[in-house]
C-alpha atoms as a PDB file:
ATOM      1  CA  MET A   1     -73.045 -63.613 -11.073  1.00  0.00           C
ATOM      2  CA  SER A   2     -71.444 -60.824  -9.224  1.00  0.00           C
ATOM      3  CA  PHE A   3     -68.262 -60.427  -7.054  1.00  0.00           C
ATOM      4  CA  TRP A   4     -66.857 -58.882  -3.999  1.00  0.00           C
ATOM      5  CA  HIS A   5     -64.127 -57.205  -2.978  1.00  0.00           C
ATOM      6  CA  ASP A   6     -62.885 -57.624   0.412  1.00  0.00           C
ATOM      7  CA  ALA A   7     -59.261 -57.914   2.132  1.00  0.00           C
ATOM      8  CA  ARG A   8     -59.463 -61.977   1.475  1.00  0.00           C
ATOM      9  CA  ASP A   9     -59.808 -61.254  -2.248  1.00  0.00           C
ATOM     10  CA  GLN A  10     -57.106 -58.834  -2.490  1.00  0.00           C
ATOM     11  CA  LEU A  11     -55.103 -60.909  -0.427  1.00  0.00           C
ATOM     12  CA  ALA A  12     -55.555 -63.412  -2.921  1.00  0.00           C
ATOM     13  CA  VAL A  13     -54.813 -61.235  -5.622  1.00  0.00           C
ATOM     14  CA  ASN A  14     -51.556 -60.545  -3.993  1.00  0.00           C
ATOM     15  CA  HIS A  15     -50.495 -63.726  -3.468  1.00  0.00           C
ATOM     16  CA  ALA A  16     -51.067 -64.496  -7.357  1.00  0.00           C
ATOM     17  CA  ALA A  17     -48.554 -61.760  -8.295  1.00  0.00           C
ATOM     18  CA  ALA A  18     -45.926 -62.249  -5.992  1.00  0.00           C
ATOM     19  CA  ALA A  19     -46.391 -66.070  -7.197  1.00  0.00           C
ATOM     20  CA  ALA A  20     -45.920 -65.246 -10.818  1.00  0.00           C
ATOM     21  CA  TYR A  21     -42.666 -62.709 -10.254  1.00  0.00           C
ATOM     22  CA  THR A  22     -39.516 -63.246  -8.538  1.00  0.00           C
ATOM     23  CA  TYR A  23     -36.739 -60.693  -8.329  1.00  0.00           C
ATOM     24  CA  THR A  24     -33.382 -60.836  -8.380  1.00  0.00           C
ATOM     25  CA  SER A  25     -30.288 -58.754  -8.647  1.00  0.00           C
ATOM     26  CA  GLY A  26     -30.621 -56.495 -11.737  1.00  0.00           C
ATOM     27  CA  VAL A  27     -32.180 -53.335 -12.702  1.00  0.00           C
ATOM     28  CA  LEU A  28     -34.949 -55.528 -14.746  1.00  0.00           C
ATOM     29  CA  GLY A  29     -35.036 -59.090 -12.799  1.00  0.00           C
ATOM     30  CA  SER A  30     -36.079 -61.817 -14.096  1.00  0.00           C
ATOM     31  CA  TYR A  31     -39.486 -63.536 -14.407  1.00  0.00           C
ATOM     32  CA  ARG A  32     -39.715 -67.002 -13.160  1.00  0.00           C
ATOM     33  CA  SER A  33     -42.532 -69.352 -14.612  1.00  0.00           C
ATOM     34  CA  PRO A  34     -45.366 -70.544 -11.823  1.00  0.00           C
ATOM     35  CA  SER A  35     -45.962 -74.177 -11.055  1.00  0.00           C
ATOM     36  CA  PRO A  36     -49.122 -75.211 -13.317  1.00  0.00           C
ATOM     37  CA  ASN A  37     -50.462 -76.990 -10.722  1.00  0.00           C
ATOM     38  CA  ASN A  38     -51.049 -74.157  -9.154  1.00  0.00           C
ATOM     39  CA  PRO A  39     -53.367 -71.486 -10.734  1.00  0.00           C
ATOM     40  CA  ALA A  40     -55.263 -68.643  -9.728  1.00  0.00           C
ATOM     41  CA  SER A  41     -59.114 -69.034  -9.115  1.00  0.00           C
ATOM     42  CA  PHE A  42     -61.088 -67.186 -11.304  1.00  0.00           C
ATOM     43  CA  ARG A  43     -62.681 -64.884  -8.812  1.00  0.00           C
ATOM     44  CA  ALA A  44     -58.759 -63.860  -7.932  1.00  0.00           C
ATOM     45  CA  VAL A  45     -58.101 -62.968 -11.435  1.00  0.00           C
ATOM     46  CA  ARG A  46     -61.799 -61.706 -11.822  1.00  0.00           C
ATOM     47  CA  ILE A  47     -61.082 -59.094  -9.231  1.00  0.00           C
ATOM     48  CA  SER A  48     -57.334 -58.139 -10.498  1.00  0.00           C
ATOM     49  CA  TYR A  49     -59.313 -56.807 -13.439  1.00  0.00           C
ATOM     50  CA  GLY A  50     -61.428 -54.193 -11.732  1.00  0.00           C
ATOM     51  CA  ASP A  51     -63.301 -51.930 -13.535  1.00  0.00           C
ATOM     52  CA  CYS A  52     -61.238 -52.931 -16.679  1.00  0.00           C
ATOM     53  CA  PHE A  53     -63.018 -56.291 -17.185  1.00  0.00           C
ATOM     54  CA  ALA A  54     -64.713 -55.639 -20.200  1.00  0.00           C
ATOM     55  CA  ARG A  55     -61.981 -53.989 -21.865  1.00  0.00           C
ATOM     56  CA  ALA A  56     -60.165 -57.063 -21.390  1.00  0.00           C
ATOM     57  CA  MET A  57     -62.254 -59.239 -22.187  1.00  0.00           C
ATOM     58  CA  ARG A  58     -63.728 -57.561 -25.259  1.00  0.00           C
ATOM     59  CA  MET A  59     -67.230 -58.321 -24.193  1.00  0.00           C
ATOM     60  CA  SER A  60     -69.747 -57.484 -21.115  1.00  0.00           C
ATOM     61  CA  GLU A  61     -69.425 -59.720 -18.246  1.00  0.00           C
ATOM     62  CA  GLY A  62     -72.844 -61.243 -18.806  1.00  0.00           C
ATOM     63  CA  CYS A  63     -71.565 -61.922 -22.344  1.00  0.00           C
ATOM     64  CA  PHE A  64     -68.593 -63.590 -21.058  1.00  0.00           C
ATOM     65  CA  PHE A  65     -70.377 -66.247 -18.491  1.00  0.00           C
ATOM     66  CA  LYS A  66     -72.585 -66.838 -21.732  1.00  0.00           C
ATOM     67  CA  LEU A  67     -69.664 -67.643 -24.303  1.00  0.00           C
ATOM     68  CA  VAL A  68     -68.426 -69.664 -21.160  1.00  0.00           C
ATOM     69  CA  ASP A  69     -71.573 -71.386 -21.052  1.00  0.00           C
ATOM     70  CA  VAL A  70     -71.506 -72.024 -24.816  1.00  0.00           C
ATOM     71  CA  LEU A  71     -67.881 -73.541 -24.738  1.00  0.00           C
ATOM     72  CA  ARG A  72     -68.464 -75.301 -21.983  1.00  0.00           C
ATOM     73  CA  PRO A  73     -69.248 -78.973 -23.465  1.00  0.00           C
ATOM     74  CA  HIS A  74     -66.162 -78.741 -26.074  1.00  0.00           C
ATOM     75  CA  LEU A  75     -63.955 -77.849 -23.263  1.00  0.00           C
ATOM     76  CA  PRO A  76     -61.292 -80.375 -21.314  1.00  0.00           C
ATOM     77  CA  VAL A  77     -62.868 -81.578 -18.176  1.00  0.00           C
ATOM     78  CA  GLY A  78     -60.283 -80.917 -15.429  1.00  0.00           C
ATOM     79  CA  GLY A  79     -57.539 -79.261 -14.578  1.00  0.00           C
ATOM     80  CA  ILE A  80     -58.170 -75.319 -14.961  1.00  0.00           C
ATOM     81  CA  SER A  81     -61.526 -74.142 -14.784  1.00  0.00           C
ATOM     82  CA  PRO A  82     -63.247 -73.364 -18.357  1.00  0.00           C
ATOM     83  CA  GLU A  83     -63.195 -69.083 -17.085  1.00  0.00           C
ATOM     84  CA  LEU A  84     -59.915 -69.191 -16.883  1.00  0.00           C
ATOM     85  CA  ARG A  85     -59.399 -71.086 -19.991  1.00  0.00           C
ATOM     86  CA  VAL A  86     -61.626 -68.826 -21.846  1.00  0.00           C
ATOM     87  CA  SER A  87     -60.276 -65.424 -20.166  1.00  0.00           C
ATOM     88  CA  MET A  88     -57.054 -66.601 -20.989  1.00  0.00           C
ATOM     89  CA  GLY A  89     -57.852 -67.304 -24.530  1.00  0.00           C
ATOM     90  CA  LEU A  90     -60.327 -63.494 -24.794  1.00  0.00           C
ATOM     91  CA  TRP A  91     -56.921 -61.586 -23.113  1.00  0.00           C
ATOM     92  CA  TYR A  92     -54.792 -63.038 -25.650  1.00  0.00           C
ATOM     93  CA  TYR A  93     -56.802 -62.449 -28.950  1.00  0.00           C
ATOM     94  CA  GLY A  94     -57.851 -59.371 -27.355  1.00  0.00           C
ATOM     95  CA  GLY A  95     -53.898 -58.457 -28.144  1.00  0.00           C
ATOM     96  CA  GLY A  96     -52.652 -59.157 -24.593  1.00  0.00           C
ATOM     97  CA  SER A  97     -48.753 -59.896 -23.817  1.00  0.00           C
ATOM     98  CA  TYR A  98     -48.922 -63.937 -22.823  1.00  0.00           C
ATOM     99  CA  LEU A  99     -46.291 -62.984 -20.232  1.00  0.00           C
ATOM    100  CA  ASP A 100     -48.953 -61.322 -18.793  1.00  0.00           C
ATOM    101  CA  VAL A 101     -51.493 -63.372 -19.238  1.00  0.00           C
ATOM    102  CA  ALA A 102     -49.718 -66.145 -17.551  1.00  0.00           C
ATOM    103  CA  ALA A 103     -48.995 -64.162 -15.002  1.00  0.00           C
ATOM    104  CA  VAL A 104     -51.770 -62.716 -13.737  1.00  0.00           C
ATOM    105  CA  HIS A 105     -53.735 -66.489 -14.264  1.00  0.00           C
ATOM    106  CA  ARG A 106     -50.785 -67.473 -12.308  1.00  0.00           C
ATOM    107  CA  VAL A 107     -50.047 -70.488 -15.228  1.00  0.00           C
ATOM    108  CA  SER A 108     -46.555 -71.880 -17.264  1.00  0.00           C
ATOM    109  CA  HIS A 109     -46.127 -70.953 -20.489  1.00  0.00           C
ATOM    110  CA  SER A 110     -47.351 -74.695 -21.764  1.00  0.00           C
ATOM    111  CA  THR A 111     -50.159 -74.445 -19.657  1.00  0.00           C
ATOM    112  CA  PHE A 112     -51.455 -70.784 -21.229  1.00  0.00           C
ATOM    113  CA  ASP A 113     -50.210 -72.363 -24.757  1.00  0.00           C
ATOM    114  CA  ASN A 114     -52.687 -75.499 -24.504  1.00  0.00           C
ATOM    115  CA  SER A 115     -55.230 -73.223 -22.660  1.00  0.00           C
ATOM    116  CA  VAL A 116     -55.221 -70.789 -25.388  1.00  0.00           C
ATOM    117  CA  TRP A 117     -55.452 -73.727 -28.129  1.00  0.00           C
ATOM    118  CA  GLU A 118     -58.590 -75.419 -26.298  1.00  0.00           C
ATOM    119  CA  PHE A 119     -60.102 -72.515 -25.880  1.00  0.00           C
ATOM    120  CA  THR A 120     -59.602 -72.091 -30.243  1.00  0.00           C
ATOM    121  CA  ASP A 121     -60.759 -75.663 -30.197  1.00  0.00           C
ATOM    122  CA  ALA A 122     -64.082 -75.031 -28.378  1.00  0.00           C
ATOM    123  CA  VAL A 123     -64.649 -72.067 -30.543  1.00  0.00           C
ATOM    124  CA  SER A 124     -64.258 -73.881 -33.938  1.00  0.00           C
ATOM    125  CA  SER A 125     -66.069 -76.729 -32.637  1.00  0.00           C
ATOM    126  CA  THR A 126     -69.076 -74.919 -31.328  1.00  0.00           C
ATOM    127  CA  LYS A 127     -71.466 -74.926 -34.345  1.00  0.00           C
ATOM    128  CA  ASN A 128     -73.800 -72.196 -33.041  1.00  0.00           C
ATOM    129  CA  MET A 129     -70.699 -70.083 -33.391  1.00  0.00           C
ATOM    130  CA  ASP A 130     -70.408 -70.314 -36.941  1.00  0.00           C
ATOM    131  CA  ILE A 131     -70.625 -67.556 -39.257  1.00  0.00           C
ATOM    132  CA  THR A 132     -73.333 -67.104 -41.106  1.00  0.00           C
ATOM    133  CA  MET A 133     -74.689 -64.692 -44.009  1.00  0.00           C
ATOM    134  CA  PRO A 134     -77.670 -66.510 -45.753  1.00  0.00           C
ATOM    135  CA  ILE A 135     -77.856 -63.536 -48.584  1.00  0.00           C
ATOM    136  CA  ASP A 136     -80.493 -65.661 -50.520  1.00  0.00           C
ATOM    137  CA  ASP A 137     -82.590 -65.564 -48.121  1.00  0.00           C
ATOM    138  CA  PRO A 138     -84.886 -62.534 -48.842  1.00  0.00           C
ATOM    139  CA  GLN A 139     -86.221 -62.746 -45.155  1.00  0.00           C
ATOM    140  CA  TRP A 140     -83.077 -62.345 -44.024  1.00  0.00           C
ATOM    141  CA  ARG A 141     -82.196 -59.608 -45.818  1.00  0.00           C
ATOM    142  CA  ALA A 142     -85.168 -57.783 -44.783  1.00  0.00           C
ATOM    143  CA  ARG A 143     -84.366 -58.033 -41.126  1.00  0.00           C
ATOM    144  CA  THR A 144     -81.303 -57.447 -41.133  1.00  0.00           C
ATOM    145  CA  ALA A 145     -81.770 -54.025 -43.142  1.00  0.00           C
ATOM    146  CA  ALA A 146     -84.740 -53.129 -40.927  1.00  0.00           C
ATOM    147  CA  LEU A 147     -82.581 -53.336 -37.495  1.00  0.00           C
ATOM    148  CA  PHE A 148     -79.764 -51.366 -39.567  1.00  0.00           C
ATOM    149  CA  GLN A 149     -82.624 -48.426 -39.800  1.00  0.00           C
ATOM    150  CA  GLN A 150     -83.648 -48.701 -36.590  1.00  0.00           C
ATOM    151  CA  ARG A 151     -80.866 -47.691 -35.095  1.00  0.00           C
ATOM    152  CA  GLY A 152     -81.256 -44.246 -36.167  1.00  0.00           C
ATOM    153  CA  ASP A 153     -77.279 -43.689 -36.940  1.00  0.00           C
ATOM    154  CA  SER A 154     -77.528 -44.792 -40.346  1.00  0.00           C
ATOM    155  CA  PRO A 155     -78.963 -42.448 -43.664  1.00  0.00           C
ATOM    156  CA  LEU A 156     -78.764 -45.048 -45.715  1.00  0.00           C
ATOM    157  CA  ASN A 157     -81.402 -48.446 -46.951  1.00  0.00           C
ATOM    158  CA  ASN A 158     -81.179 -51.187 -47.150  1.00  0.00           C
ATOM    159  CA  ILE A 159     -78.047 -52.047 -45.681  1.00  0.00           C
ATOM    160  CA  LEU A 160     -76.977 -55.746 -44.720  1.00  0.00           C
ATOM    161  CA  GLY A 161     -73.731 -55.146 -43.316  1.00  0.00           C
ATOM    162  CA  ALA A 162     -71.176 -52.905 -41.789  1.00  0.00           C
ATOM    163  CA  PHE A 163     -67.772 -53.703 -43.138  1.00  0.00           C
ATOM    164  CA  ASP A 164     -64.086 -53.117 -42.153  1.00  0.00           C
ATOM    165  CA  GLY A 165     -60.405 -54.387 -42.185  1.00  0.00           C
ATOM    166  CA  ILE A 166     -58.163 -54.787 -39.280  1.00  0.00           C
ATOM    167  CA  ALA A 167     -54.165 -56.008 -39.557  1.00  0.00           C
ATOM    168  CA  ILE A 168     -53.839 -58.466 -36.935  1.00  0.00           C
ATOM    169  CA  ALA A 169     -50.095 -58.559 -35.134  1.00  0.00           C
ATOM    170  CA  GLN A 170     -48.435 -61.806 -35.404  1.00  0.00           C
ATOM    171  CA  GLU A 171     -44.987 -63.318 -35.194  1.00  0.00           C
ATOM    172  CA  PRO A 172     -42.821 -63.762 -38.621  1.00  0.00           C
ATOM    173  CA  PRO A 173     -43.347 -67.040 -40.676  1.00  0.00           C
ATOM    174  CA  THR A 174     -40.087 -69.178 -40.974  1.00  0.00           C
ATOM    175  CA  ALA A 175     -39.392 -69.639 -44.463  1.00  0.00           C
ATOM    176  CA  ARG A 176     -40.084 -73.583 -44.075  1.00  0.00           C
ATOM    177  CA  ASP A 177     -43.951 -72.138 -43.288  1.00  0.00           C
ATOM    178  CA  VAL A 178     -44.559 -70.272 -46.608  1.00  0.00           C
ATOM    179  CA  SER A 179     -42.559 -69.797 -49.674  1.00  0.00           C
ATOM    180  CA  PHE A 180     -41.849 -65.959 -49.420  1.00  0.00           C
ATOM    181  CA  VAL A 181     -41.514 -64.350 -45.736  1.00  0.00           C
ATOM    182  CA  ALA A 182     -41.575 -60.505 -46.800  1.00  0.00           C
ATOM    183  CA  ASP A 183     -45.303 -61.342 -48.182  1.00  0.00           C
ATOM    184  CA  HIS A 184     -46.772 -61.659 -44.541  1.00  0.00           C
ATOM    185  CA  MET A 185     -45.211 -58.343 -44.085  1.00  0.00           C
ATOM    186  CA  SER A 186     -48.304 -55.308 -43.759  1.00  0.00           C
ATOM    187  CA  ARG A 187     -47.664 -51.871 -44.789  1.00  0.00           C
ATOM    188  CA  LYS A 188     -47.919 -50.566 -40.920  1.00  0.00           C
ATOM    189  CA  GLY A 189     -44.439 -51.970 -40.707  1.00  0.00           C
ATOM    190  CA  PHE A 190     -45.085 -55.598 -38.725  1.00  0.00           C
ATOM    191  CA  PHE A 191     -45.656 -59.159 -39.492  1.00  0.00           C
ATOM    192  CA  ALA A 192     -49.919 -59.130 -39.758  1.00  0.00           C
ATOM    193  CA  ILE A 193     -52.709 -61.228 -40.618  1.00  0.00           C
ATOM    194  CA  ASN A 194     -55.159 -59.113 -42.954  1.00  0.00           C
ATOM    195  CA  THR A 195     -58.574 -59.043 -41.730  1.00  0.00           C
ATOM    196  CA  GLN A 196     -61.457 -58.010 -42.986  1.00  0.00           C
ATOM    197  CA  ALA A 197     -65.018 -58.829 -41.225  1.00  0.00           C
ATOM    198  CA  MET A 198     -69.187 -57.573 -42.053  1.00  0.00           C
ATOM    199  CA  CYS A 199     -71.184 -57.313 -38.809  1.00  0.00           C
ATOM    200  CA  ASP A 200     -74.684 -56.874 -38.520  1.00  0.00           C
ATOM    201  CA  ALA A 201     -76.547 -54.294 -36.683  1.00  0.00           C
ATOM    202  CA  ASN A 202     -76.523 -56.302 -33.359  1.00  0.00           C
ATOM    203  CA  TYR A 203     -72.394 -56.182 -33.704  1.00  0.00           C
ATOM    204  CA  GLU A 204     -72.436 -60.063 -34.833  1.00  0.00           C
ATOM    205  CA  ILE A 205     -70.137 -60.663 -37.625  1.00  0.00           C
ATOM    206  CA  THR A 206     -71.360 -62.580 -40.792  1.00  0.00           C
END
């Protein structure tokens, strides 16, 4: 799928940005949530990314549309498009501010929240996206190790995964939700979910 840039497309992007923000007196002005019934088209959103689309989505454009097709049967019908739901979910989980995501997509904060949860539920309910690591399967072990060896950048044999960790920032939990709030503070000085993951030679999480 390809997109092109002309004056009408740029005008749509400008209108999206203008509709998202309203400036009043004062240095910073104020933000007014746009109408949830007037979201931007995905084409306008795509154009607003420009060359940064893959960076914002954390995947190539081809992978993005493949993901949309995989999740489409599990996303709500009607309302905003599957492409918008997926792009909001990916951008938010990739570290984007909900203010920026809602503004660029021209949706209200409640529509943004619903869309992210709908995206999350769709991913969770798509069985062929389940994380699996059939460590007891000798054929899987041999195939996985061979793929790592074929990369040419590994000095080791018999590798079954590349392992790393990350602290994913989160909002502070409340004392009503957890027994000890301080336990959720990371060593980096912010509240976070400690995540560790392993992937194969194709960068697929196992």
